[in-house]
Amino acid sequence: MSCDAISASTLPASALIAAVEAAREAQPPVLFYLYDAPVIPTSVGAELAKLERCGTPEKLYHYGGSYWFLRQLLNHSWRVHSPEEASLLVVPALHDYQTARGPGGGGRSQFCKGLTPTDKIVRAINRTSAWRERLRDHVFVSLDWEHGRLPGSVKGSALLRGFVETRWSTPMTKGFQTRALSGYTTDFLLTVPYVDNGASFPHSTLATQWKLEANRAFAPLPAPGAPPITRQTIRTRRNVTFFFGGRTSTRIGPGRAQMGYYVRWSLMRQWQHQHPRPRNETGVPRHQSQHVLSHHLLIIDSDRGKDWPAVRLCTNQSAVSLGVLEKSSARDLTAAVKQKQQPQQEQQQHACLSSCAPQVSRDGTAGACVGHYSPTLLLRTRFALCLRGDIPSSPRPYDALRYGAIPIVVSDHVWRMGMPFQCWVPWREITRSIDETDLMRDLGSALYNVTASLSPVAEERMRELIAHFRRDVLWRHPTSRVAENVLMAAHRWRDRGAPLRGCCPLPDEVTE
């Protein structure tokens, strides 16, 4: 089914929302069959109840989308109870929760005892006629690259899957791949969101708590006849202009030292120097660039590892000093990674960054410190820096959208393989982008250029769109449509042919 394209950039927020919702309403439902008892040796409801007794809804685990996927589908109106009626067949895979996680993959608290092993469930599904006759109509969600293959499935299987992480390589320009699928044939992998890292609530209070959050994150629009909103009005509510919180370690990923973190190293190095070097082509006066960098940027490095980025950092135990990367080009650094060479370093000493005291995280508006932070800091942030790490995608855009901060995405390949549901989410209208090389060349100028022309009215238009469309990418939203969007995306890409199935009213930049 085709549909008319929507000119998202030219419409007021309310008109854009209405147009997308009308196009969505016109789509036929994607009927799905969820394997359940007695076909499998347990019921999906019983498995979800076990996870809830383990406290899954209240835990922070950005790989935990498989639980929310099945929970949203359990009583969904698109569900049918025979494979013959369904377009897609859903495998209830919860193996993301069945391995005790270690460093680099989440806390061990995500392990939940008593779950039926996924390979036992899949072996039962392997015996069905639907599996034998309609193998390529199957879909499951697994957000962790370590669980790229479906345990218990027959080798050589081809499945549709919802998946968040792409292959560990830099740059990632070869589409949806994962090295974890050795020996298994895949149809293709879908990009789906991480679970946000914001505050967690039990199901009994979820709707109430999210409503309270929304009241803080999204202030009511001015009434007709009221004075127009100003930049000062916005800054009163959101007194941190730019915020980045996250790890800048060179030890992320097993054996993946220095893979993709060059943008974060550059961020820390440039903030530490506080002497940006604007280029003539940017047209940004030096004092404006310095002003952006020195007075409106709050950075928290949440990594507690031993291998720190290109600044001198203070910890409670000792001060650790690392060199500053000489490379100024993402391309050069990428080549060094490909050749398995260590980037050259120059040893320089700088003032160390202190540990983050509670009042810094709560009240600070500029500076940098080392420690952990609460994503609720994004409630008072205007723009959230979403820098790539070892892969193009990141949980940070979802953290930002939850709390009404506008994501600034710095990841050159993320639009081709890391931004989900582009047909139904106007990503370009709710985010800003900076090329990796531009940020690495001059952080202050890059931030100034991407935000200076954004008027207060345009900024509030973005937040009005975020307030509506965040339910399409946030798994834990009380009225989340992420599971629906996974099915719609799987149905659209089903044949991997052209034209693709279904309606796509907004530009989709994903390529094969």
Protein backbone atom coordinates (compact mmCIF):
# COMPACT_ATOMS: atom_id res chain seq x y z
CA MET A 1 0.00 0.00 0.00
CA SER A 2 1.40 3.38 -1.01
CA CYS A 3 0.70 6.75 0.52
CA ASP A 4 1.43 10.40 -0.09
CA ALA A 5 4.68 11.81 1.22
CA ILE A 6 4.40 14.34 4.03
CA SER A 7 6.41 17.57 3.84
CA ALA A 8 7.40 17.43 7.47
CA SER A 9 9.60 20.53 7.58
CA THR A 10 6.89 22.87 6.27
CA LEU A 11 4.04 21.91 8.59
CA PRO A 12 3.19 23.22 12.06
CA ALA A 13 3.60 20.58 14.74
CA SER A 14 -0.13 19.92 15.10
CA ALA A 15 -0.58 19.52 11.33
CA LEU A 16 2.39 17.18 11.04
CA ILE A 17 1.11 15.04 13.90
CA ALA A 18 -2.34 14.89 12.31
CA ALA A 19 -0.92 13.92 8.90
CA VAL A 20 1.23 11.10 10.26
CA GLU A 21 -1.57 9.76 12.43
CA ALA A 22 -4.01 9.83 9.50
CA ALA A 23 -1.56 7.87 7.35
CA ARG A 24 -1.02 5.41 10.16
CA GLU A 25 -4.75 4.97 10.75
CA ALA A 26 -5.24 4.12 7.07
CA GLN A 27 -2.87 1.14 7.32
CA PRO A 28 -4.33 -2.35 7.68
CA PRO A 29 -3.31 -4.09 10.91
CA VAL A 30 -0.29 -6.40 10.81
CA LEU A 31 -1.85 -9.60 12.10
CA PHE A 32 0.59 -11.72 14.09
CA TYR A 33 0.61 -15.12 15.74
CA LEU A 34 2.48 -15.41 19.05
CA TYR A 35 3.67 -18.93 19.86
CA ASP A 36 2.18 -19.80 23.26
CA ALA A 37 1.06 -22.77 25.33
CA PRO A 38 0.32 -25.56 24.54
CA VAL A 39 2.58 -25.36 21.47
CA ILE A 40 5.53 -24.32 23.65
CA PRO A 41 6.29 -25.83 27.09
CA THR A 42 5.22 -22.71 29.00
CA SER A 43 2.94 -19.73 28.56
CA VAL A 44 4.18 -16.29 27.56
CA GLY A 45 2.19 -14.75 30.40
CA ALA A 46 3.87 -17.04 32.93
CA GLU A 47 7.34 -16.12 31.65
CA LEU A 48 6.58 -12.40 31.86
CA ALA A 49 5.26 -12.89 35.40
CA LYS A 50 8.57 -14.53 36.38
CA LEU A 51 10.46 -11.52 35.02
CA GLU A 52 8.21 -9.16 36.93
CA ARG A 53 8.87 -11.06 40.15
CA CYS A 54 12.57 -10.46 39.41
CA GLY A 55 11.83 -6.74 39.28
CA THR A 56 12.42 -6.35 35.53
CA PRO A 57 10.12 -3.30 35.07
CA GLU A 58 12.04 -1.39 37.74
CA LYS A 59 15.54 -2.26 36.52
CA LEU A 60 17.72 -0.18 34.23
CA TYR A 61 18.68 -2.44 31.34
CA HIS A 62 18.85 -0.88 27.90
CA TYR A 63 19.08 -4.33 26.25
CA GLY A 64 15.78 -5.43 27.81
CA GLY A 65 13.40 -4.73 24.93
CA SER A 66 12.40 -8.37 24.49
CA TYR A 67 10.37 -8.24 27.71
CA TRP A 68 8.53 -5.06 26.71
CA PHE A 69 7.97 -6.38 23.19
CA LEU A 70 6.17 -9.48 24.40
CA ARG A 71 4.29 -7.61 27.11
CA GLN A 72 2.89 -5.18 24.57
CA LEU A 73 1.89 -8.00 22.21
CA LEU A 74 0.30 -10.29 24.79
CA ASN A 75 -3.17 -8.68 24.62
CA HIS A 76 -2.75 -6.63 21.46
CA SER A 77 -5.71 -6.25 19.11
CA TRP A 78 -3.61 -7.42 16.14
CA ARG A 79 -2.99 -10.80 17.72
CA VAL A 80 -4.63 -13.82 16.10
CA HIS A 81 -4.63 -17.38 17.41
CA SER A 82 -3.78 -19.45 14.36
CA PRO A 83 -0.73 -19.18 12.08
CA GLU A 84 -2.93 -19.29 9.00
CA GLU A 85 -4.49 -15.91 9.86
CA ALA A 86 -1.20 -14.17 10.56
CA SER A 87 1.23 -12.22 8.40
CA LEU A 88 4.05 -12.63 10.93
CA LEU A 89 4.84 -15.35 13.46
CA VAL A 90 6.43 -14.14 16.72
CA VAL A 91 8.91 -16.30 18.63
CA PRO A 92 8.75 -15.49 22.39
CA ALA A 93 12.49 -15.12 22.96
CA LEU A 94 13.65 -13.91 26.38
CA HIS A 95 17.26 -15.09 26.20
CA ASP A 96 18.55 -11.55 26.85
CA TYR A 97 17.50 -12.21 30.46
CA GLN A 98 18.88 -15.71 30.76
CA THR A 99 22.60 -14.97 30.80
CA ALA A 100 24.25 -13.41 33.81
CA ARG A 101 25.73 -10.23 32.39
CA GLY A 102 29.24 -9.04 33.11
CA PRO A 103 31.28 -5.90 32.36
CA GLY A 104 30.43 -4.24 29.06
CA GLY A 105 27.02 -5.87 28.78
CA GLY A 106 24.94 -4.76 31.71
CA GLY A 107 24.64 -5.65 35.36
CA ARG A 108 24.45 -9.21 36.61
CA SER A 109 21.20 -8.28 38.33
CA GLN A 110 19.49 -8.80 34.96
CA PHE A 111 19.80 -12.55 35.41
CA CYS A 112 16.38 -13.97 36.27
CA LYS A 113 16.19 -17.53 37.55
CA GLY A 114 13.32 -19.82 36.67
CA LEU A 115 12.77 -18.76 33.06
CA THR A 116 12.17 -21.55 30.58
CA PRO A 117 15.33 -21.83 28.43
CA THR A 118 14.81 -20.22 25.04
CA ASP A 119 16.41 -23.13 23.21
CA LYS A 120 13.76 -25.45 24.72
CA ILE A 121 11.00 -23.13 23.46
CA VAL A 122 12.56 -22.84 20.01
CA ARG A 123 13.04 -26.61 19.65
CA ALA A 124 9.29 -27.00 20.21
CA ILE A 125 8.60 -24.35 17.57
CA ASN A 126 11.03 -26.09 15.17
CA ARG A 127 8.68 -29.09 15.16
CA THR A 128 5.64 -27.13 13.94
CA SER A 129 4.45 -27.05 10.34
CA ALA A 130 4.41 -23.24 10.45
CA TRP A 131 8.17 -23.21 11.11
CA ARG A 132 8.87 -25.64 8.28
CA GLU A 133 6.57 -23.96 5.75
CA ARG A 134 6.87 -20.28 6.70
CA LEU A 135 10.35 -19.95 8.16
CA ARG A 136 10.91 -16.47 6.77
CA ASP A 137 7.73 -15.09 8.34
CA HIS A 138 9.15 -15.43 11.86
CA VAL A 139 10.30 -12.48 13.95
CA PHE A 140 11.77 -12.03 17.41
CA VAL A 141 13.39 -9.18 19.33
CA SER A 142 16.85 -9.44 20.84
CA LEU A 143 18.65 -6.18 21.49
CA ASP A 144 22.02 -7.53 22.55
CA TRP A 145 24.67 -8.33 19.95
CA GLU A 146 25.82 -11.29 22.05
CA HIS A 147 22.42 -12.92 21.48
CA GLY A 148 22.28 -12.39 17.73
CA ARG A 149 21.38 -16.01 17.02
CA LEU A 150 18.22 -17.70 18.21
CA PRO A 151 19.24 -20.54 20.58
CA GLY A 152 17.93 -23.93 19.57
CA SER A 153 17.11 -22.96 15.98
CA VAL A 154 18.16 -25.15 13.10
CA LYS A 155 21.45 -24.09 11.56
CA GLY A 156 20.90 -22.29 8.28
CA SER A 157 17.63 -20.73 9.46
CA ALA A 158 16.53 -17.40 8.00
CA LEU A 159 14.48 -15.20 10.29
CA LEU A 160 13.20 -11.68 10.45
CA ARG A 161 14.29 -10.09 13.69
CA GLY A 162 14.01 -6.85 15.59
CA PHE A 163 17.57 -5.96 16.54
CA VAL A 164 19.30 -2.86 17.85
CA GLU A 165 23.04 -3.33 17.50
CA THR A 166 24.85 -3.66 14.21
CA ARG A 167 28.15 -5.35 13.46
CA TRP A 168 31.19 -4.21 15.46
CA SER A 169 33.17 -2.35 12.82
CA THR A 170 34.07 1.21 11.96
CA PRO A 171 32.63 2.67 9.88
CA MET A 172 29.56 0.45 9.62
CA THR A 173 28.44 0.88 6.04
CA LYS A 174 27.52 -2.69 5.16
CA GLY A 175 24.00 -2.71 6.50
CA PHE A 176 22.43 -4.89 9.13
CA GLN A 177 25.03 -7.48 10.07
CA THR A 178 26.36 -9.04 13.21
CA ARG A 179 29.35 -11.23 13.72
CA ALA A 180 27.35 -13.28 16.24
CA LEU A 181 25.51 -15.04 13.38
CA SER A 182 28.35 -17.21 12.14
CA GLY A 183 26.91 -20.25 10.40
CA TYR A 184 23.38 -18.84 10.32
CA THR A 185 21.64 -17.32 7.34
CA THR A 186 19.57 -14.25 8.11
CA ASP A 187 16.92 -12.54 6.08
CA PHE A 188 17.74 -9.13 7.52
CA LEU A 189 17.91 -7.31 10.84
CA LEU A 190 15.60 -4.50 11.85
CA THR A 191 16.77 -1.58 13.91
CA VAL A 192 14.72 -1.08 17.08
CA PRO A 193 15.24 1.28 20.02
CA TYR A 194 17.18 0.67 23.17
CA VAL A 195 15.24 0.76 26.40
CA ASP A 196 15.77 4.23 27.86
CA ASN A 197 17.95 4.61 30.94
CA GLY A 198 15.56 6.94 32.75
CA ALA A 199 13.79 6.39 36.04
CA SER A 200 12.04 3.02 36.42
CA PHE A 201 8.60 2.52 37.94
CA PRO A 202 6.49 -0.54 38.78
CA HIS A 203 3.54 -1.17 36.49
CA SER A 204 1.10 -0.13 39.23
CA THR A 205 2.37 3.48 39.19
CA LEU A 206 3.77 3.69 35.66
CA ALA A 207 1.06 5.85 34.09
CA THR A 208 0.93 8.27 37.04
CA GLN A 209 4.70 8.69 37.23
CA TRP A 210 5.06 9.27 33.50
CA LYS A 211 2.32 11.90 33.59
CA LEU A 212 4.18 13.73 36.36
CA GLU A 213 7.38 13.56 34.32
CA ALA A 214 5.62 14.88 31.23
CA ASN A 215 4.29 17.84 33.20
CA ARG A 216 7.89 18.75 34.06
CA ALA A 217 9.41 17.95 30.67
CA PHE A 218 6.83 19.58 28.42
CA ALA A 219 5.47 22.89 29.64
CA PRO A 220 2.08 23.91 28.23
CA LEU A 221 2.23 26.01 25.07
CA PRO A 222 1.38 29.72 25.44
CA ALA A 223 -2.34 30.41 25.33
CA PRO A 224 -3.69 32.39 22.36
CA GLY A 225 -2.91 36.07 22.89
CA ALA A 226 -0.18 35.36 25.45
CA PRO A 227 3.30 36.79 24.90
CA PRO A 228 5.38 34.59 22.57
CA ILE A 229 7.86 32.25 24.13
CA THR A 230 11.41 33.57 24.33
CA ARG A 231 14.83 32.00 24.68
CA GLN A 232 14.99 33.32 28.22
CA THR A 233 11.72 31.54 29.02
CA ILE A 234 13.26 28.28 27.81
CA ARG A 235 16.47 28.85 29.75
CA THR A 236 14.50 29.44 32.92
CA ARG A 237 13.14 25.92 32.65
CA ARG A 238 16.26 24.37 31.08
CA ASN A 239 19.39 26.03 32.41
CA VAL A 240 21.88 23.55 30.89
CA THR A 241 22.33 24.33 27.19
CA PHE A 242 24.39 21.26 26.23
CA PHE A 243 24.86 18.07 28.19
CA PHE A 244 26.82 14.91 27.61
CA GLY A 245 26.90 12.08 30.11
CA GLY A 246 28.55 8.79 29.33
CA ARG A 247 31.68 6.73 29.13
CA THR A 248 34.74 7.75 27.16
CA SER A 249 36.73 4.63 27.96
CA THR A 250 39.01 2.98 25.42
CA ARG A 251 38.18 -0.46 26.81
CA ILE A 252 34.56 -0.86 25.73
CA GLY A 253 33.75 -4.15 24.07
CA PRO A 254 35.73 -7.39 24.27
CA GLY A 255 38.97 -6.85 22.35
CA ARG A 256 37.61 -3.65 20.83
CA ALA A 257 40.00 -1.11 22.37
CA GLN A 258 39.84 2.30 20.65
CA MET A 259 36.94 1.25 18.45
CA GLY A 260 34.76 4.23 17.56
CA TYR A 261 35.26 6.35 20.67
CA TYR A 262 37.36 8.96 18.90
CA VAL A 263 34.48 11.48 18.90
CA ARG A 264 34.11 11.26 22.67
CA TRP A 265 37.85 11.60 23.19
CA SER A 266 37.80 14.74 21.06
CA LEU A 267 34.90 16.16 23.06
CA MET A 268 36.78 15.74 26.33
CA ARG A 269 40.06 17.04 24.91
CA GLN A 270 38.49 20.18 23.46
CA TRP A 271 36.52 20.96 26.60
CA GLN A 272 39.67 20.53 28.66
CA HIS A 273 41.63 22.95 26.51
CA GLN A 274 38.76 25.47 26.27
CA HIS A 275 40.54 27.09 23.36
CA PRO A 276 38.56 26.18 20.25
CA ARG A 277 40.02 27.10 16.88
CA PRO A 278 37.19 28.31 14.61
CA ARG A 279 37.84 27.92 10.93
CA ASN A 280 37.21 30.77 8.54
CA GLU A 281 34.60 28.76 6.68
CA THR A 282 32.36 28.48 9.75
CA GLY A 283 31.86 32.22 9.98
CA VAL A 284 31.64 31.97 13.78
CA PRO A 285 33.58 34.63 15.70
CA ARG A 286 36.12 33.17 18.10
CA HIS A 287 34.51 34.68 21.18
CA GLN A 288 31.12 33.11 20.32
CA SER A 289 32.66 29.68 19.92
CA GLN A 290 34.50 30.00 23.22
CA HIS A 291 31.33 31.23 24.91
CA VAL A 292 29.42 28.14 23.82
CA LEU A 293 32.18 25.84 24.98
CA SER A 294 33.07 27.52 28.27
CA HIS A 295 29.71 28.48 29.72
CA HIS A 296 27.00 26.21 28.35
CA LEU A 297 28.43 22.70 28.38
CA LEU A 298 28.05 20.22 31.23
CA ILE A 299 29.94 16.95 30.83
CA ILE A 300 29.88 13.97 33.16
CA ASP A 301 32.09 10.99 32.40
CA SER A 302 30.34 8.05 34.00
CA ASP A 303 33.08 5.52 33.36
CA ARG A 304 34.73 4.02 36.45
CA GLY A 305 37.26 1.93 34.55
CA LYS A 306 41.03 2.22 34.61
CA ASP A 307 41.53 3.46 31.06
CA TRP A 308 40.57 7.14 30.91
CA PRO A 309 40.20 9.42 27.87
CA ALA A 310 42.51 12.16 26.73
CA VAL A 311 42.38 14.30 29.85
CA ARG A 312 43.75 14.10 33.37
CA LEU A 313 41.04 12.88 35.70
CA CYS A 314 40.92 12.79 39.49
CA THR A 315 39.48 9.79 41.27
CA ASN A 316 39.20 9.10 44.96
CA GLN A 317 42.09 6.67 44.71
CA SER A 318 44.56 8.41 42.41
CA ALA A 319 45.03 10.76 39.50
CA VAL A 320 45.34 9.07 36.12
CA SER A 321 46.87 10.88 33.16
CA LEU A 322 46.54 9.91 29.53
CA GLY A 323 47.79 11.58 26.39
CA VAL A 324 45.86 13.72 23.93
CA LEU A 325 45.14 12.21 20.53
CA GLU A 326 47.01 13.90 17.71
CA LYS A 327 44.60 12.66 15.07
CA SER A 328 42.02 15.28 14.13
CA SER A 329 40.15 13.35 11.49
CA ALA A 330 37.60 10.62 12.03
CA ARG A 331 38.78 9.10 8.76
CA ASP A 332 42.37 8.91 9.98
CA LEU A 333 41.30 7.34 13.26
CA THR A 334 39.07 4.89 11.45
CA ALA A 335 41.99 3.84 9.27
CA ALA A 336 44.14 3.35 12.36
CA VAL A 337 41.49 1.11 13.87
CA LYS A 338 41.14 -0.89 10.69
CA GLN A 339 44.88 -1.44 10.54
CA LYS A 340 44.87 -2.40 14.23
CA GLN A 341 47.29 0.39 14.98
CA GLN A 342 47.39 2.37 18.18
CA PRO A 343 46.57 6.07 17.56
CA GLN A 344 49.57 8.24 18.33
CA GLN A 345 49.46 10.15 21.57
CA GLU A 346 51.21 13.17 22.90
CA GLN A 347 51.71 13.27 26.63
CA GLN A 348 50.32 16.46 28.11
CA GLN A 349 49.35 17.34 31.62
CA HIS A 350 46.10 19.14 32.35
CA ALA A 351 44.14 20.11 35.39
CA CYS A 352 42.35 17.04 36.63
CA LEU A 353 38.59 16.58 36.70
CA SER A 354 37.15 15.99 40.13
CA SER A 355 34.60 13.41 41.10
CA CYS A 356 30.99 14.51 40.62
CA ALA A 357 29.51 15.68 43.89
CA PRO A 358 25.70 15.44 44.20
CA GLN A 359 25.28 19.20 43.98
CA VAL A 360 27.20 19.31 40.69
CA SER A 361 24.81 16.90 39.06
CA ARG A 362 21.84 18.63 40.63
CA ASP A 363 22.71 22.30 40.25
CA GLY A 364 25.68 22.65 37.88
CA THR A 365 25.31 24.35 34.51
CA ALA A 366 28.87 24.19 33.16
CA GLY A 367 32.01 22.17 33.61
CA ALA A 368 32.99 18.52 33.69
CA CYS A 369 33.39 15.88 36.34
CA VAL A 370 33.83 12.14 36.71
CA GLY A 371 31.11 10.00 38.21
CA HIS A 372 27.58 8.73 37.75
CA TYR A 373 24.54 10.83 36.96
CA SER A 374 20.78 10.51 36.77
CA PRO A 375 19.23 10.94 33.30
CA THR A 376 16.63 13.18 34.98
CA LEU A 377 19.31 15.85 34.56
CA LEU A 378 17.94 16.00 31.01
CA LEU A 379 14.77 17.62 32.41
CA ARG A 380 16.73 20.87 32.65
CA THR A 381 18.80 20.37 29.48
CA ARG A 382 18.03 22.03 26.16
CA PHE A 383 20.27 19.94 23.90
CA ALA A 384 21.59 16.46 24.65
CA LEU A 385 24.81 15.42 22.90
CA CYS A 386 24.32 11.90 21.54
CA LEU A 387 27.82 10.86 20.51
CA ARG A 388 28.60 7.54 18.91
CA GLY A 389 30.64 4.99 20.82
CA ASP A 390 31.76 1.63 19.51
CA ILE A 391 28.72 1.43 17.21
CA PRO A 392 26.64 4.14 15.48
CA SER A 393 23.54 3.71 17.65
CA SER A 394 23.23 4.80 21.27
CA PRO A 395 20.66 4.85 24.09
CA ARG A 396 21.16 8.61 24.50
CA PRO A 397 18.55 9.84 21.97
CA TYR A 398 15.90 7.85 23.84
CA ASP A 399 16.99 9.23 27.20
CA ALA A 400 16.79 12.74 25.74
CA LEU A 401 13.37 12.26 24.13
CA ARG A 402 11.93 10.90 27.35
CA TYR A 403 12.83 14.09 29.21
CA GLY A 404 12.20 16.65 26.46
CA ALA A 405 15.82 17.45 25.62
CA ILE A 406 16.56 17.86 21.91
CA PRO A 407 19.08 15.21 20.74
CA ILE A 408 22.15 16.41 18.84
CA VAL A 409 23.27 13.28 17.02
CA VAL A 410 26.96 12.89 16.24
CA SER A 411 27.28 9.61 14.34
CA ASP A 412 27.84 9.61 10.60
CA HIS A 413 26.26 6.25 9.82
CA VAL A 414 23.40 6.19 12.30
CA TRP A 415 20.77 7.33 9.79
CA ARG A 416 21.47 4.38 7.53
CA MET A 417 21.35 1.72 10.22
CA GLY A 418 20.62 3.05 13.69
CA MET A 419 17.48 5.22 13.64
CA PRO A 420 14.38 3.04 13.86
CA PHE A 421 10.93 3.52 12.33
CA GLN A 422 11.85 6.42 10.06
CA CYS A 423 8.58 6.02 8.13
CA TRP A 424 6.55 6.99 11.19
CA VAL A 425 8.85 9.11 13.35
CA PRO A 426 9.95 12.54 12.00
CA TRP A 427 13.50 12.13 13.28
CA ARG A 428 14.88 15.09 11.30
CA GLU A 429 12.27 17.34 12.91
CA ILE A 430 13.04 16.31 16.50
CA THR A 431 16.85 16.09 16.34
CA ARG A 432 19.84 18.06 15.11
CA SER A 433 22.95 16.48 13.57
CA ILE A 434 26.66 17.29 13.51
CA ASP A 435 29.17 15.50 11.30
CA GLU A 436 31.84 13.71 13.29
CA THR A 437 34.65 15.58 11.54
CA ASP A 438 33.01 18.97 12.22
CA LEU A 439 32.76 18.29 15.93
CA MET A 440 36.32 16.99 16.08
CA ARG A 441 37.61 20.03 14.17
CA ASP A 442 35.96 22.57 16.46
CA LEU A 443 33.43 21.61 19.11
CA GLY A 444 32.36 25.15 20.00
CA SER A 445 31.72 26.20 16.41
CA ALA A 446 29.88 22.97 15.63
CA LEU A 447 27.51 23.45 18.58
CA TYR A 448 27.00 27.12 17.78
CA ASN A 449 26.24 26.46 14.10
CA VAL A 450 23.69 23.75 14.77
CA THR A 451 21.70 25.70 17.38
CA ALA A 452 22.20 29.44 16.88
CA SER A 453 19.65 29.68 14.07
CA LEU A 454 17.00 27.77 16.00
CA SER A 455 14.40 30.27 17.17
CA PRO A 456 12.50 29.79 20.46
CA VAL A 457 9.33 29.05 18.48
CA ALA A 458 11.14 26.41 16.39
CA GLU A 459 12.66 24.89 19.52
CA GLU A 460 9.26 24.56 21.15
CA ARG A 461 7.86 23.07 17.92
CA MET A 462 10.48 20.35 18.26
CA ARG A 463 9.43 19.66 21.85
CA GLU A 464 5.77 19.52 20.86
CA LEU A 465 6.68 16.85 18.29
CA ILE A 466 8.86 15.01 20.82
CA ALA A 467 5.99 14.97 23.33
CA HIS A 468 3.81 13.18 20.77
CA PHE A 469 6.20 10.86 18.94
CA ARG A 470 8.28 9.65 21.87
CA ARG A 471 5.73 6.87 22.47
CA ASP A 472 6.85 5.44 19.11
CA VAL A 473 10.42 4.90 20.31
CA LEU A 474 10.18 4.52 24.10
CA TRP A 475 9.50 0.94 25.20
CA ARG A 476 8.39 1.93 28.71
CA HIS A 477 5.95 4.69 27.77
CA PRO A 478 2.50 3.79 29.21
CA THR A 479 0.97 3.87 25.70
CA SER A 480 4.08 2.73 23.81
CA ARG A 481 3.72 1.77 20.15
CA VAL A 482 7.23 0.33 19.77
CA ALA A 483 6.03 -3.28 19.42
CA GLU A 484 3.52 -2.19 16.78
CA ASN A 485 6.26 -0.35 14.93
CA VAL A 486 8.51 -3.43 14.97
CA LEU A 487 5.74 -5.43 13.31
CA MET A 488 5.02 -2.69 10.78
CA ALA A 489 8.71 -2.42 9.91
CA ALA A 490 9.07 -6.20 9.60
CA HIS A 491 5.99 -6.38 7.37
CA ARG A 492 7.28 -3.54 5.18
CA TRP A 493 10.73 -5.08 4.69
CA ARG A 494 9.43 -8.63 4.43
CA ASP A 495 10.45 -9.30 0.81
CA ARG A 496 13.53 -7.05 0.77
CA GLY A 497 12.35 -6.04 -2.67
CA ALA A 498 11.24 -2.86 -4.38
CA PRO A 499 8.78 -1.46 -3.87
CA LEU A 500 8.65 -2.29 -0.18
CA ARG A 501 5.34 -3.20 1.38
CA GLY A 502 3.09 -0.75 3.19
CA CYS A 503 2.96 2.97 3.59
CA CYS A 504 5.99 5.18 4.36
CA PRO A 505 4.83 8.81 4.66
CA LEU A 506 8.17 10.16 5.97
CA PRO A 507 11.64 9.84 4.39
CA ASP A 508 13.43 6.60 5.27
CA GLU A 509 17.21 6.85 4.94
CA VAL A 510 17.90 3.19 5.67
CA THR A 511 19.77 1.47 2.83
CA GLU A 512 20.70 -2.15 2.31
